[in-house]
N, C-alpha and C. Protein backbone atom coordinates (compact mmCIF):
# COMPACT_ATOMS: atom_id res chain seq x y z
N MET A 1 0.84 -1.19 0.00
CA MET A 1 0.00 0.00 0.00
C MET A 1 0.88 1.25 0.00
N THR A 2 0.70 2.12 -0.96
CA THR A 2 1.50 3.33 -1.02
C THR A 2 0.92 4.40 -0.10
N GLN A 3 1.75 5.35 0.28
CA GLN A 3 1.32 6.43 1.15
C GLN A 3 0.97 7.69 0.36
N GLY A 4 0.89 7.58 -0.96
CA GLY A 4 0.48 8.69 -1.77
C GLY A 4 1.35 9.91 -1.58
N LYS A 5 0.73 11.02 -1.24
CA LYS A 5 1.45 12.28 -1.14
C LYS A 5 2.34 12.38 0.09
N LEU A 6 2.24 11.42 1.03
CA LEU A 6 3.17 11.38 2.16
C LEU A 6 4.51 10.80 1.73
N GLU A 7 4.54 10.11 0.61
CA GLU A 7 5.76 9.52 0.08
C GLU A 7 6.60 10.61 -0.59
N LEU A 8 7.89 10.64 -0.27
CA LEU A 8 8.76 11.63 -0.88
C LEU A 8 8.92 11.39 -2.38
N LEU A 9 9.15 12.46 -3.11
CA LEU A 9 9.46 12.33 -4.53
C LEU A 9 10.83 11.69 -4.70
N THR A 10 10.96 10.81 -5.67
CA THR A 10 12.24 10.20 -6.01
C THR A 10 12.41 10.21 -7.52
N PRO A 11 13.64 9.99 -7.99
CA PRO A 11 13.82 9.92 -9.45
C PRO A 11 13.05 8.78 -10.10
N GLN A 12 12.63 7.81 -9.30
CA GLN A 12 11.96 6.64 -9.84
C GLN A 12 10.44 6.71 -9.78
N ASN A 13 9.88 7.67 -9.03
CA ASN A 13 8.42 7.62 -8.85
C ASN A 13 7.66 8.80 -9.46
N CYS A 14 8.36 9.69 -10.19
CA CYS A 14 7.66 10.86 -10.72
C CYS A 14 8.10 11.17 -12.14
N ALA A 15 7.30 11.99 -12.80
CA ALA A 15 7.63 12.55 -14.11
C ALA A 15 7.38 14.05 -14.05
N LEU A 16 8.12 14.79 -14.84
CA LEU A 16 8.02 16.25 -14.87
C LEU A 16 7.36 16.70 -16.17
N VAL A 17 6.46 17.68 -16.08
CA VAL A 17 5.81 18.24 -17.26
C VAL A 17 6.08 19.74 -17.27
N LEU A 18 6.77 20.22 -18.30
CA LEU A 18 7.12 21.64 -18.44
C LEU A 18 6.30 22.23 -19.58
N ILE A 19 5.51 23.25 -19.26
CA ILE A 19 4.48 23.72 -20.18
C ILE A 19 4.70 25.18 -20.58
N ASP A 20 4.92 25.40 -21.85
CA ASP A 20 4.81 26.72 -22.49
C ASP A 20 5.82 27.77 -22.00
N PHE A 21 7.06 27.36 -21.89
CA PHE A 21 8.10 28.33 -21.53
C PHE A 21 8.62 28.98 -22.81
N GLN A 22 7.82 29.94 -23.26
CA GLN A 22 7.98 30.61 -24.55
C GLN A 22 7.96 32.13 -24.35
N PRO A 23 8.56 32.90 -25.28
CA PRO A 23 8.70 34.35 -25.08
C PRO A 23 7.39 35.09 -24.83
N GLN A 24 6.38 34.83 -25.65
CA GLN A 24 5.14 35.57 -25.51
C GLN A 24 4.48 35.30 -24.16
N MET A 25 4.65 34.10 -23.66
CA MET A 25 4.07 33.77 -22.36
C MET A 25 4.82 34.50 -21.23
N VAL A 26 6.13 34.62 -21.39
CA VAL A 26 6.92 35.33 -20.37
C VAL A 26 6.53 36.80 -20.31
N PHE A 27 6.23 37.39 -21.47
CA PHE A 27 5.86 38.81 -21.49
C PHE A 27 4.71 39.10 -20.54
N GLY A 28 3.80 38.15 -20.39
CA GLY A 28 2.62 38.38 -19.56
C GLY A 28 2.81 38.13 -18.08
N VAL A 29 3.95 37.58 -17.68
CA VAL A 29 4.17 37.23 -16.27
C VAL A 29 4.40 38.49 -15.44
N ALA A 30 3.66 38.60 -14.32
CA ALA A 30 3.76 39.80 -13.49
C ALA A 30 3.90 39.51 -12.00
N ASN A 31 3.92 38.25 -11.61
CA ASN A 31 3.98 37.94 -10.17
C ASN A 31 5.39 37.66 -9.67
N ILE A 32 6.34 37.46 -10.57
CA ILE A 32 7.71 37.11 -10.21
C ILE A 32 8.65 37.77 -11.21
N ASP A 33 9.82 38.17 -10.75
CA ASP A 33 10.81 38.71 -11.68
C ASP A 33 11.08 37.69 -12.78
N ARG A 34 11.04 38.13 -14.02
CA ARG A 34 11.12 37.18 -15.14
C ARG A 34 12.47 36.49 -15.21
N GLN A 35 13.55 37.20 -14.88
CA GLN A 35 14.86 36.57 -14.91
C GLN A 35 14.99 35.52 -13.81
N LEU A 36 14.41 35.81 -12.65
CA LEU A 36 14.39 34.82 -11.56
C LEU A 36 13.57 33.61 -11.97
N LEU A 37 12.45 33.85 -12.63
CA LEU A 37 11.63 32.75 -13.13
C LEU A 37 12.44 31.86 -14.06
N LYS A 38 13.15 32.47 -15.00
CA LYS A 38 13.95 31.69 -15.95
C LYS A 38 15.03 30.89 -15.21
N ASN A 39 15.69 31.52 -14.25
CA ASN A 39 16.68 30.82 -13.45
C ASN A 39 16.09 29.58 -12.79
N ASN A 40 14.90 29.74 -12.21
CA ASN A 40 14.27 28.64 -11.49
C ASN A 40 13.86 27.51 -12.43
N VAL A 41 13.33 27.86 -13.59
CA VAL A 41 12.90 26.84 -14.56
C VAL A 41 14.10 26.05 -15.07
N ILE A 42 15.18 26.75 -15.40
CA ILE A 42 16.37 26.06 -15.90
C ILE A 42 16.98 25.19 -14.81
N GLY A 43 17.00 25.68 -13.58
CA GLY A 43 17.48 24.85 -12.47
C GLY A 43 16.63 23.59 -12.31
N LEU A 44 15.32 23.74 -12.43
CA LEU A 44 14.41 22.59 -12.35
C LEU A 44 14.68 21.59 -13.46
N ALA A 45 14.82 22.08 -14.69
CA ALA A 45 15.08 21.20 -15.82
C ALA A 45 16.42 20.47 -15.66
N LYS A 46 17.43 21.18 -15.17
CA LYS A 46 18.73 20.54 -14.94
C LYS A 46 18.62 19.46 -13.88
N ALA A 47 17.82 19.70 -12.86
CA ALA A 47 17.63 18.69 -11.82
C ALA A 47 17.01 17.43 -12.42
N ALA A 48 16.00 17.60 -13.26
CA ALA A 48 15.37 16.45 -13.91
C ALA A 48 16.38 15.71 -14.78
N GLN A 49 17.25 16.46 -15.45
CA GLN A 49 18.24 15.84 -16.32
C GLN A 49 19.28 15.05 -15.52
N VAL A 50 19.77 15.63 -14.42
CA VAL A 50 20.77 14.95 -13.60
C VAL A 50 20.22 13.65 -13.02
N PHE A 51 18.95 13.67 -12.59
CA PHE A 51 18.37 12.50 -11.94
C PHE A 51 17.58 11.62 -12.89
N LYS A 52 17.64 11.95 -14.18
CA LYS A 52 16.99 11.13 -15.21
C LYS A 52 15.49 10.98 -14.96
N VAL A 53 14.87 12.07 -14.52
CA VAL A 53 13.42 12.08 -14.35
C VAL A 53 12.78 12.28 -15.72
N PRO A 54 11.90 11.40 -16.16
CA PRO A 54 11.24 11.59 -17.46
C PRO A 54 10.56 12.94 -17.53
N THR A 55 10.78 13.66 -18.63
CA THR A 55 10.29 15.03 -18.75
C THR A 55 9.53 15.21 -20.06
N VAL A 56 8.32 15.75 -19.94
CA VAL A 56 7.49 16.04 -21.12
C VAL A 56 7.50 17.55 -21.32
N LEU A 57 7.77 17.96 -22.54
CA LEU A 57 7.94 19.38 -22.88
C LEU A 57 6.84 19.77 -23.86
N THR A 58 6.05 20.80 -23.51
CA THR A 58 4.97 21.20 -24.39
C THR A 58 5.06 22.68 -24.76
N ALA A 59 4.46 23.03 -25.89
CA ALA A 59 4.42 24.41 -26.38
C ALA A 59 3.05 24.67 -26.99
N VAL A 60 2.65 25.94 -26.94
CA VAL A 60 1.36 26.31 -27.51
C VAL A 60 1.56 27.34 -28.62
N GLU A 61 1.00 27.06 -29.78
CA GLU A 61 0.97 28.01 -30.90
C GLU A 61 2.32 28.72 -31.11
N SER A 62 3.37 27.94 -31.25
CA SER A 62 4.72 28.52 -31.38
C SER A 62 4.83 29.47 -32.57
N GLU A 63 4.31 29.07 -33.71
CA GLU A 63 4.45 29.87 -34.91
C GLU A 63 3.47 31.04 -34.94
N ALA A 64 2.26 30.83 -34.47
CA ALA A 64 1.21 31.84 -34.61
C ALA A 64 1.23 32.89 -33.51
N PHE A 65 1.78 32.54 -32.33
CA PHE A 65 1.64 33.49 -31.22
C PHE A 65 2.81 33.47 -30.24
N SER A 66 3.19 32.33 -29.72
CA SER A 66 4.00 32.29 -28.50
C SER A 66 5.51 32.27 -28.72
N GLY A 67 5.97 31.92 -29.90
CA GLY A 67 7.41 31.83 -30.14
C GLY A 67 7.98 30.50 -29.69
N ASN A 68 9.25 30.30 -29.99
CA ASN A 68 9.90 29.03 -29.66
C ASN A 68 10.18 28.91 -28.17
N ILE A 69 10.25 27.68 -27.70
CA ILE A 69 10.66 27.42 -26.32
C ILE A 69 12.05 28.02 -26.10
N TRP A 70 12.28 28.53 -24.89
CA TRP A 70 13.55 29.17 -24.57
C TRP A 70 14.74 28.33 -25.02
N PRO A 71 15.72 28.91 -25.66
CA PRO A 71 16.90 28.15 -26.06
C PRO A 71 17.67 27.57 -24.88
N GLU A 72 17.65 28.27 -23.74
CA GLU A 72 18.33 27.75 -22.55
C GLU A 72 17.70 26.44 -22.08
N LEU A 73 16.37 26.35 -22.20
CA LEU A 73 15.67 25.13 -21.80
C LEU A 73 15.93 24.00 -22.79
N LEU A 74 15.92 24.34 -24.07
CA LEU A 74 16.21 23.33 -25.08
C LEU A 74 17.65 22.82 -24.98
N ALA A 75 18.56 23.68 -24.52
CA ALA A 75 19.95 23.25 -24.35
C ALA A 75 20.07 22.21 -23.24
N VAL A 76 19.22 22.31 -22.23
CA VAL A 76 19.23 21.32 -21.14
C VAL A 76 18.56 20.02 -21.59
N LEU A 77 17.53 20.14 -22.40
CA LEU A 77 16.74 18.97 -22.82
C LEU A 77 16.72 18.86 -24.35
N PRO A 78 17.89 18.71 -24.97
CA PRO A 78 17.96 18.79 -26.43
C PRO A 78 17.29 17.64 -27.17
N ASP A 79 17.10 16.52 -26.50
CA ASP A 79 16.55 15.34 -27.17
C ASP A 79 15.07 15.14 -26.90
N ASN A 80 14.47 16.03 -26.13
CA ASN A 80 13.06 15.87 -25.80
C ASN A 80 12.16 16.27 -26.96
N LYS A 81 11.16 15.44 -27.22
CA LYS A 81 10.12 15.81 -28.18
C LYS A 81 9.33 16.98 -27.62
N ILE A 82 8.97 17.92 -28.47
CA ILE A 82 8.12 19.03 -28.07
C ILE A 82 6.69 18.75 -28.54
N TYR A 83 5.77 18.70 -27.59
CA TYR A 83 4.38 18.47 -27.93
C TYR A 83 3.72 19.82 -28.21
N GLU A 84 3.51 20.10 -29.48
CA GLU A 84 2.93 21.36 -29.94
C GLU A 84 1.41 21.21 -29.98
N ARG A 85 0.71 22.25 -29.50
CA ARG A 85 -0.74 22.15 -29.45
C ARG A 85 -1.37 23.53 -29.70
N SER A 86 -2.69 23.54 -29.88
CA SER A 86 -3.43 24.79 -30.01
C SER A 86 -4.25 25.08 -28.76
N SER A 87 -4.65 24.06 -28.04
CA SER A 87 -5.45 24.25 -26.83
C SER A 87 -4.64 24.88 -25.71
N MET A 88 -5.28 25.72 -24.91
CA MET A 88 -4.62 26.24 -23.72
C MET A 88 -4.31 25.13 -22.71
N ASN A 89 -5.03 24.03 -22.81
CA ASN A 89 -4.96 22.96 -21.83
C ASN A 89 -4.13 21.79 -22.34
N THR A 90 -2.97 21.59 -21.77
CA THR A 90 -2.11 20.47 -22.16
C THR A 90 -2.84 19.13 -22.05
N TRP A 91 -3.77 19.04 -21.11
CA TRP A 91 -4.47 17.76 -20.90
C TRP A 91 -5.44 17.43 -22.03
N ASP A 92 -5.66 18.39 -22.94
CA ASP A 92 -6.45 18.10 -24.13
C ASP A 92 -5.63 17.36 -25.18
N ASP A 93 -4.31 17.31 -25.00
CA ASP A 93 -3.43 16.71 -26.00
C ASP A 93 -3.31 15.21 -25.76
N ALA A 94 -3.84 14.43 -26.69
CA ALA A 94 -3.81 12.97 -26.55
C ALA A 94 -2.39 12.43 -26.52
N GLY A 95 -1.48 13.09 -27.26
CA GLY A 95 -0.09 12.63 -27.28
C GLY A 95 0.59 12.78 -25.94
N VAL A 96 0.33 13.89 -25.25
CA VAL A 96 0.91 14.10 -23.92
C VAL A 96 0.40 13.03 -22.96
N LYS A 97 -0.90 12.81 -22.96
CA LYS A 97 -1.46 11.82 -22.04
C LYS A 97 -0.96 10.42 -22.35
N ALA A 98 -0.81 10.12 -23.63
CA ALA A 98 -0.30 8.80 -24.02
C ALA A 98 1.15 8.63 -23.56
N GLU A 99 1.95 9.69 -23.69
CA GLU A 99 3.34 9.62 -23.27
C GLU A 99 3.45 9.43 -21.75
N LEU A 100 2.64 10.14 -21.00
CA LEU A 100 2.67 9.98 -19.54
C LEU A 100 2.19 8.60 -19.13
N LYS A 101 1.21 8.07 -19.82
CA LYS A 101 0.76 6.71 -19.54
C LYS A 101 1.87 5.71 -19.84
N LYS A 102 2.59 5.95 -20.93
CA LYS A 102 3.72 5.08 -21.30
C LYS A 102 4.82 5.15 -20.25
N ILE A 103 5.11 6.36 -19.76
CA ILE A 103 6.13 6.53 -18.72
C ILE A 103 5.73 5.75 -17.47
N GLY A 104 4.47 5.80 -17.12
CA GLY A 104 3.95 4.95 -16.06
C GLY A 104 4.16 5.43 -14.64
N ARG A 105 4.40 6.71 -14.44
CA ARG A 105 4.58 7.25 -13.09
C ARG A 105 3.25 7.84 -12.61
N LYS A 106 2.87 7.55 -11.36
CA LYS A 106 1.62 8.08 -10.82
C LYS A 106 1.77 9.49 -10.26
N LYS A 107 3.01 9.89 -9.97
CA LYS A 107 3.25 11.24 -9.46
C LYS A 107 3.70 12.13 -10.62
N LEU A 108 2.98 13.20 -10.85
CA LEU A 108 3.33 14.15 -11.90
C LEU A 108 3.68 15.49 -11.26
N VAL A 109 4.77 16.10 -11.73
CA VAL A 109 5.22 17.40 -11.25
C VAL A 109 5.10 18.37 -12.42
N PHE A 110 4.31 19.43 -12.23
CA PHE A 110 4.04 20.39 -13.30
C PHE A 110 4.69 21.75 -13.01
N ALA A 111 5.14 22.42 -14.06
CA ALA A 111 5.47 23.85 -14.02
C ALA A 111 5.01 24.43 -15.34
N ALA A 112 4.52 25.68 -15.30
CA ALA A 112 3.90 26.21 -16.53
C ALA A 112 3.78 27.73 -16.49
N LEU A 113 3.60 28.28 -17.69
CA LEU A 113 3.15 29.64 -17.90
C LEU A 113 1.84 29.56 -18.70
N TRP A 114 0.77 30.15 -18.23
CA TRP A 114 0.60 30.90 -17.00
C TRP A 114 -0.06 30.04 -15.93
N THR A 115 0.13 30.45 -14.68
CA THR A 115 -0.39 29.67 -13.56
C THR A 115 -1.89 29.47 -13.65
N GLU A 116 -2.61 30.54 -13.97
CA GLU A 116 -4.07 30.51 -13.91
C GLU A 116 -4.71 29.80 -15.10
N VAL A 117 -3.93 29.45 -16.08
CA VAL A 117 -4.48 28.79 -17.26
C VAL A 117 -3.74 27.48 -17.53
N CYS A 118 -2.53 27.60 -18.05
CA CYS A 118 -1.79 26.45 -18.54
C CYS A 118 -1.26 25.55 -17.43
N LEU A 119 -1.26 26.04 -16.19
CA LEU A 119 -0.94 25.18 -15.05
C LEU A 119 -2.21 24.63 -14.41
N ASN A 120 -3.16 25.52 -14.11
CA ASN A 120 -4.40 25.08 -13.45
C ASN A 120 -5.12 23.97 -14.21
N PHE A 121 -5.29 24.16 -15.51
CA PHE A 121 -6.14 23.24 -16.26
C PHE A 121 -5.61 21.79 -16.21
N PRO A 122 -4.36 21.53 -16.61
CA PRO A 122 -3.90 20.14 -16.58
C PRO A 122 -3.73 19.58 -15.18
N VAL A 123 -3.37 20.44 -14.21
CA VAL A 123 -3.24 19.96 -12.82
C VAL A 123 -4.57 19.40 -12.34
N LEU A 124 -5.65 20.16 -12.53
CA LEU A 124 -6.96 19.71 -12.07
C LEU A 124 -7.41 18.44 -12.81
N GLU A 125 -7.19 18.41 -14.11
CA GLU A 125 -7.68 17.27 -14.89
C GLU A 125 -6.81 16.03 -14.68
N ALA A 126 -5.51 16.22 -14.43
CA ALA A 126 -4.66 15.06 -14.13
C ALA A 126 -5.07 14.41 -12.83
N MET A 127 -5.42 15.24 -11.83
CA MET A 127 -5.92 14.68 -10.57
C MET A 127 -7.23 13.94 -10.79
N ALA A 128 -8.10 14.49 -11.62
CA ALA A 128 -9.37 13.83 -11.92
C ALA A 128 -9.15 12.48 -12.59
N ASP A 129 -8.03 12.36 -13.31
CA ASP A 129 -7.69 11.10 -13.98
C ASP A 129 -6.89 10.15 -13.10
N GLY A 130 -6.71 10.50 -11.83
CA GLY A 130 -6.11 9.57 -10.89
C GLY A 130 -4.64 9.76 -10.59
N TYR A 131 -4.00 10.80 -11.11
CA TYR A 131 -2.59 11.06 -10.82
C TYR A 131 -2.45 11.81 -9.49
N GLU A 132 -1.31 11.61 -8.84
CA GLU A 132 -0.92 12.44 -7.70
C GLU A 132 -0.12 13.61 -8.26
N VAL A 133 -0.57 14.82 -8.01
CA VAL A 133 -0.04 15.97 -8.72
C VAL A 133 0.67 16.95 -7.78
N TYR A 134 1.83 17.38 -8.22
CA TYR A 134 2.63 18.40 -7.56
C TYR A 134 2.85 19.53 -8.57
N PHE A 135 3.03 20.75 -8.08
CA PHE A 135 3.35 21.84 -9.00
C PHE A 135 4.47 22.68 -8.40
N VAL A 136 5.33 23.20 -9.29
CA VAL A 136 6.51 23.95 -8.85
C VAL A 136 6.14 25.42 -8.86
N GLU A 137 5.84 25.95 -7.67
CA GLU A 137 5.27 27.29 -7.56
C GLU A 137 6.21 28.37 -8.09
N ASP A 138 7.51 28.26 -7.77
CA ASP A 138 8.43 29.33 -8.17
C ASP A 138 9.05 29.10 -9.54
N ALA A 139 8.56 28.10 -10.26
CA ALA A 139 8.94 27.91 -11.66
C ALA A 139 7.72 28.06 -12.56
N SER A 140 6.70 28.72 -12.03
CA SER A 140 5.48 29.02 -12.78
C SER A 140 5.15 30.49 -12.57
N GLY A 141 4.46 31.09 -13.53
CA GLY A 141 4.17 32.50 -13.42
C GLY A 141 2.79 32.84 -13.95
N GLY A 142 2.15 33.82 -13.28
CA GLY A 142 0.83 34.27 -13.69
C GLY A 142 0.85 35.72 -14.14
N THR A 143 -0.29 36.18 -14.64
CA THR A 143 -0.36 37.52 -15.23
C THR A 143 -0.53 38.63 -14.20
N SER A 144 -0.70 38.27 -12.94
CA SER A 144 -0.70 39.23 -11.83
C SER A 144 -0.42 38.46 -10.56
N VAL A 145 -0.11 39.17 -9.50
CA VAL A 145 0.09 38.51 -8.20
C VAL A 145 -1.18 37.79 -7.79
N ALA A 146 -2.32 38.47 -7.96
CA ALA A 146 -3.60 37.85 -7.58
C ALA A 146 -3.90 36.61 -8.42
N ALA A 147 -3.68 36.71 -9.73
CA ALA A 147 -3.96 35.57 -10.61
C ALA A 147 -3.14 34.35 -10.21
N HIS A 148 -1.85 34.58 -9.93
CA HIS A 148 -0.98 33.48 -9.52
C HIS A 148 -1.41 32.91 -8.18
N ASN A 149 -1.57 33.80 -7.19
CA ASN A 149 -1.85 33.34 -5.83
C ASN A 149 -3.20 32.64 -5.72
N LEU A 150 -4.22 33.17 -6.37
CA LEU A 150 -5.52 32.52 -6.30
C LEU A 150 -5.51 31.18 -7.03
N SER A 151 -4.74 31.10 -8.10
CA SER A 151 -4.62 29.83 -8.83
C SER A 151 -3.91 28.79 -7.99
N VAL A 152 -2.87 29.23 -7.26
CA VAL A 152 -2.18 28.33 -6.34
C VAL A 152 -3.14 27.81 -5.28
N GLN A 153 -3.95 28.72 -4.72
CA GLN A 153 -4.93 28.30 -3.71
C GLN A 153 -5.93 27.29 -4.30
N ARG A 154 -6.37 27.56 -5.52
CA ARG A 154 -7.34 26.65 -6.14
C ARG A 154 -6.75 25.24 -6.28
N MET A 155 -5.51 25.15 -6.72
CA MET A 155 -4.89 23.84 -6.90
C MET A 155 -4.68 23.13 -5.57
N ILE A 156 -4.24 23.89 -4.56
CA ILE A 156 -4.04 23.28 -3.24
C ILE A 156 -5.37 22.77 -2.68
N GLN A 157 -6.42 23.58 -2.79
CA GLN A 157 -7.74 23.17 -2.30
C GLN A 157 -8.24 21.92 -3.01
N ALA A 158 -7.84 21.76 -4.27
CA ALA A 158 -8.25 20.59 -5.04
C ALA A 158 -7.40 19.36 -4.71
N GLY A 159 -6.28 19.57 -4.01
CA GLY A 159 -5.46 18.42 -3.60
C GLY A 159 -4.08 18.35 -4.20
N ALA A 160 -3.68 19.34 -5.00
CA ALA A 160 -2.32 19.35 -5.56
C ALA A 160 -1.34 19.85 -4.50
N VAL A 161 -0.08 19.44 -4.64
CA VAL A 161 0.94 19.75 -3.63
C VAL A 161 1.94 20.76 -4.20
N PRO A 162 2.11 21.92 -3.54
CA PRO A 162 3.09 22.89 -4.02
C PRO A 162 4.50 22.55 -3.55
N VAL A 163 5.47 22.73 -4.45
CA VAL A 163 6.89 22.58 -4.12
C VAL A 163 7.64 23.72 -4.79
N THR A 164 8.92 23.85 -4.45
CA THR A 164 9.79 24.80 -5.15
C THR A 164 10.81 24.02 -5.97
N TRP A 165 11.47 24.72 -6.88
CA TRP A 165 12.41 24.02 -7.75
C TRP A 165 13.58 23.45 -6.94
N GLN A 166 14.05 24.21 -5.94
CA GLN A 166 15.18 23.72 -5.15
C GLN A 166 14.77 22.57 -4.24
N GLN A 167 13.53 22.62 -3.75
CA GLN A 167 13.01 21.49 -2.99
C GLN A 167 13.01 20.23 -3.84
N PHE A 168 12.58 20.37 -5.09
CA PHE A 168 12.59 19.23 -6.01
C PHE A 168 14.01 18.67 -6.16
N LEU A 169 14.97 19.56 -6.39
CA LEU A 169 16.36 19.15 -6.56
C LEU A 169 16.86 18.38 -5.33
N LEU A 170 16.66 18.95 -4.15
CA LEU A 170 17.22 18.34 -2.95
C LEU A 170 16.44 17.11 -2.51
N GLU A 171 15.16 17.04 -2.87
CA GLU A 171 14.39 15.83 -2.60
C GLU A 171 14.88 14.69 -3.48
N MET A 172 15.33 15.01 -4.69
CA MET A 172 15.91 14.00 -5.55
C MET A 172 17.24 13.48 -4.97
N GLN A 173 18.09 14.39 -4.52
CA GLN A 173 19.41 14.00 -4.00
C GLN A 173 19.30 13.34 -2.62
N ARG A 174 18.66 14.04 -1.70
CA ARG A 174 18.30 13.57 -0.36
C ARG A 174 19.46 13.17 0.52
N ASP A 175 20.40 12.41 0.01
CA ASP A 175 21.50 11.88 0.81
C ASP A 175 22.81 12.28 0.14
N TRP A 176 23.67 13.02 0.86
CA TRP A 176 24.93 13.50 0.28
C TRP A 176 25.91 12.38 -0.02
N SER A 177 25.62 11.17 0.46
CA SER A 177 26.51 10.04 0.14
C SER A 177 26.23 9.48 -1.25
N ARG A 178 25.21 9.97 -1.92
CA ARG A 178 24.90 9.51 -3.28
C ARG A 178 25.83 10.22 -4.26
N LYS A 179 27.01 9.67 -4.38
CA LYS A 179 28.07 10.35 -5.13
C LYS A 179 27.82 10.41 -6.63
N GLU A 180 26.98 9.52 -7.16
CA GLU A 180 26.76 9.51 -8.60
C GLU A 180 26.03 10.77 -9.07
N THR A 181 25.29 11.42 -8.16
CA THR A 181 24.58 12.64 -8.53
C THR A 181 25.05 13.85 -7.72
N TYR A 182 26.01 13.66 -6.84
CA TYR A 182 26.47 14.75 -5.96
C TYR A 182 27.03 15.92 -6.76
N SER A 183 27.93 15.63 -7.70
CA SER A 183 28.56 16.69 -8.47
C SER A 183 27.53 17.46 -9.29
N GLY A 184 26.60 16.74 -9.91
CA GLY A 184 25.56 17.39 -10.69
C GLY A 184 24.67 18.28 -9.84
N THR A 185 24.32 17.79 -8.66
CA THR A 185 23.50 18.58 -7.74
C THR A 185 24.23 19.84 -7.31
N MET A 186 25.48 19.70 -6.94
CA MET A 186 26.25 20.85 -6.49
C MET A 186 26.45 21.86 -7.63
N GLY A 187 26.60 21.36 -8.84
CA GLY A 187 26.74 22.25 -9.98
C GLY A 187 25.50 23.10 -10.18
N ILE A 188 24.32 22.49 -10.03
CA ILE A 188 23.06 23.23 -10.15
C ILE A 188 22.94 24.24 -9.03
N VAL A 189 23.30 23.85 -7.82
CA VAL A 189 23.23 24.76 -6.67
C VAL A 189 24.10 25.98 -6.90
N VAL A 190 25.34 25.76 -7.34
CA VAL A 190 26.27 26.88 -7.55
C VAL A 190 25.73 27.83 -8.62
N GLU A 191 25.15 27.29 -9.68
CA GLU A 191 24.72 28.12 -10.80
C GLU A 191 23.35 28.78 -10.60
N HIS A 192 22.48 28.17 -9.77
CA HIS A 192 21.09 28.62 -9.74
C HIS A 192 20.53 28.93 -8.36
N SER A 193 21.27 28.66 -7.30
CA SER A 193 20.69 28.79 -5.95
C SER A 193 21.10 30.04 -5.20
N GLY A 194 21.48 31.08 -5.90
CA GLY A 194 21.71 32.37 -5.27
C GLY A 194 22.75 32.33 -4.16
N ALA A 195 22.38 32.86 -2.98
CA ALA A 195 23.32 32.94 -1.86
C ALA A 195 23.79 31.57 -1.41
N TYR A 196 22.89 30.59 -1.44
CA TYR A 196 23.27 29.22 -1.10
C TYR A 196 24.36 28.73 -2.04
N GLY A 197 24.17 28.97 -3.33
CA GLY A 197 25.16 28.56 -4.31
C GLY A 197 26.48 29.28 -4.13
N ALA A 198 26.43 30.58 -3.81
CA ALA A 198 27.66 31.33 -3.57
C ALA A 198 28.40 30.78 -2.37
N GLY A 199 27.66 30.40 -1.33
CA GLY A 199 28.29 29.81 -0.16
C GLY A 199 28.94 28.47 -0.45
N VAL A 200 28.27 27.66 -1.25
CA VAL A 200 28.85 26.37 -1.64
C VAL A 200 30.12 26.59 -2.46
N ASP A 201 30.07 27.54 -3.39
CA ASP A 201 31.24 27.82 -4.22
C ASP A 201 32.42 28.28 -3.35
N TYR A 202 32.14 29.14 -2.38
CA TYR A 202 33.18 29.62 -1.48
C TYR A 202 33.77 28.47 -0.67
N ALA A 203 32.91 27.62 -0.14
CA ALA A 203 33.39 26.49 0.66
C ALA A 203 34.26 25.56 -0.17
N MET A 204 33.85 25.32 -1.41
CA MET A 204 34.61 24.42 -2.26
C MET A 204 35.99 24.98 -2.59
N THR A 205 36.02 26.25 -2.98
CA THR A 205 37.27 26.82 -3.49
C THR A 205 38.20 27.35 -2.40
N HIS A 206 37.63 27.90 -1.32
CA HIS A 206 38.47 28.55 -0.31
C HIS A 206 38.65 27.73 0.95
N VAL A 207 37.69 26.88 1.28
CA VAL A 207 37.81 26.03 2.46
C VAL A 207 38.44 24.69 2.09
N HIS A 208 37.89 24.07 1.05
CA HIS A 208 38.38 22.74 0.64
C HIS A 208 39.44 22.81 -0.45
N LYS A 209 39.74 24.02 -0.93
CA LYS A 209 40.81 24.25 -1.90
C LYS A 209 40.61 23.46 -3.19
N MET A 210 39.38 23.32 -3.59
CA MET A 210 39.07 22.66 -4.85
C MET A 210 39.20 23.66 -5.98
N PRO A 211 39.49 23.20 -7.21
CA PRO A 211 39.57 24.13 -8.33
C PRO A 211 38.21 24.76 -8.61
N ALA A 212 38.24 25.98 -9.12
CA ALA A 212 37.01 26.68 -9.46
C ALA A 212 36.26 25.90 -10.54
N ARG A 213 34.92 25.88 -10.40
CA ARG A 213 34.08 25.17 -11.39
C ARG A 213 34.08 25.91 -12.71
N LYS A 214 34.11 25.16 -13.79
CA LYS A 214 33.96 25.74 -15.11
C LYS A 214 32.51 25.59 -15.52
N LEU A 215 31.86 26.71 -15.79
CA LEU A 215 30.46 26.68 -16.17
C LEU A 215 30.29 26.40 -17.65
N GLY A 216 29.11 25.88 -17.98
CA GLY A 216 28.80 25.65 -19.39
C GLY A 216 29.21 24.28 -19.86
């Protein structure tokens, strides 16, 4: 018997869905600094890549309205198929649902632009279809503070679980003795975790006398 949402996320029990990280969608974000949002999304994607978490990448109306998915995100996930659609709701896409069924994970982690539309819709419908759903609050953005916050409340009231991108990363790593992913985790922390990352970099180079990390 599983414990559902009491069970911690692991690289083996979840899949990540990244929705509509495109220029036109970013233009409308008003609840979070856009550069911080991009930092958080890329950190999240890198975490999924390091821990080999299956990741589904979707886009809406790339040619007609929204533009291409961020090149920084595509650089992290260069081999991922992009599920292109016209509906605001990713859950309307039969290909996305078929891919998630094929992956076979009951826990789904979502991040999207915008919170009140492209995140809310699939989160609610995925739960209705029997998935345990988590959403990455600081890797999603809405068109106003109120739009984002009320959408977050709606998802929580419906039973979805909010997490942050760094929480996702550290929940994947969990134990510092896991050396196969330690370097990758620390690399993401240094590049994307602000003051925490700066502290780690200082400890590595000045306390432990390790060579400076080469980025890129």
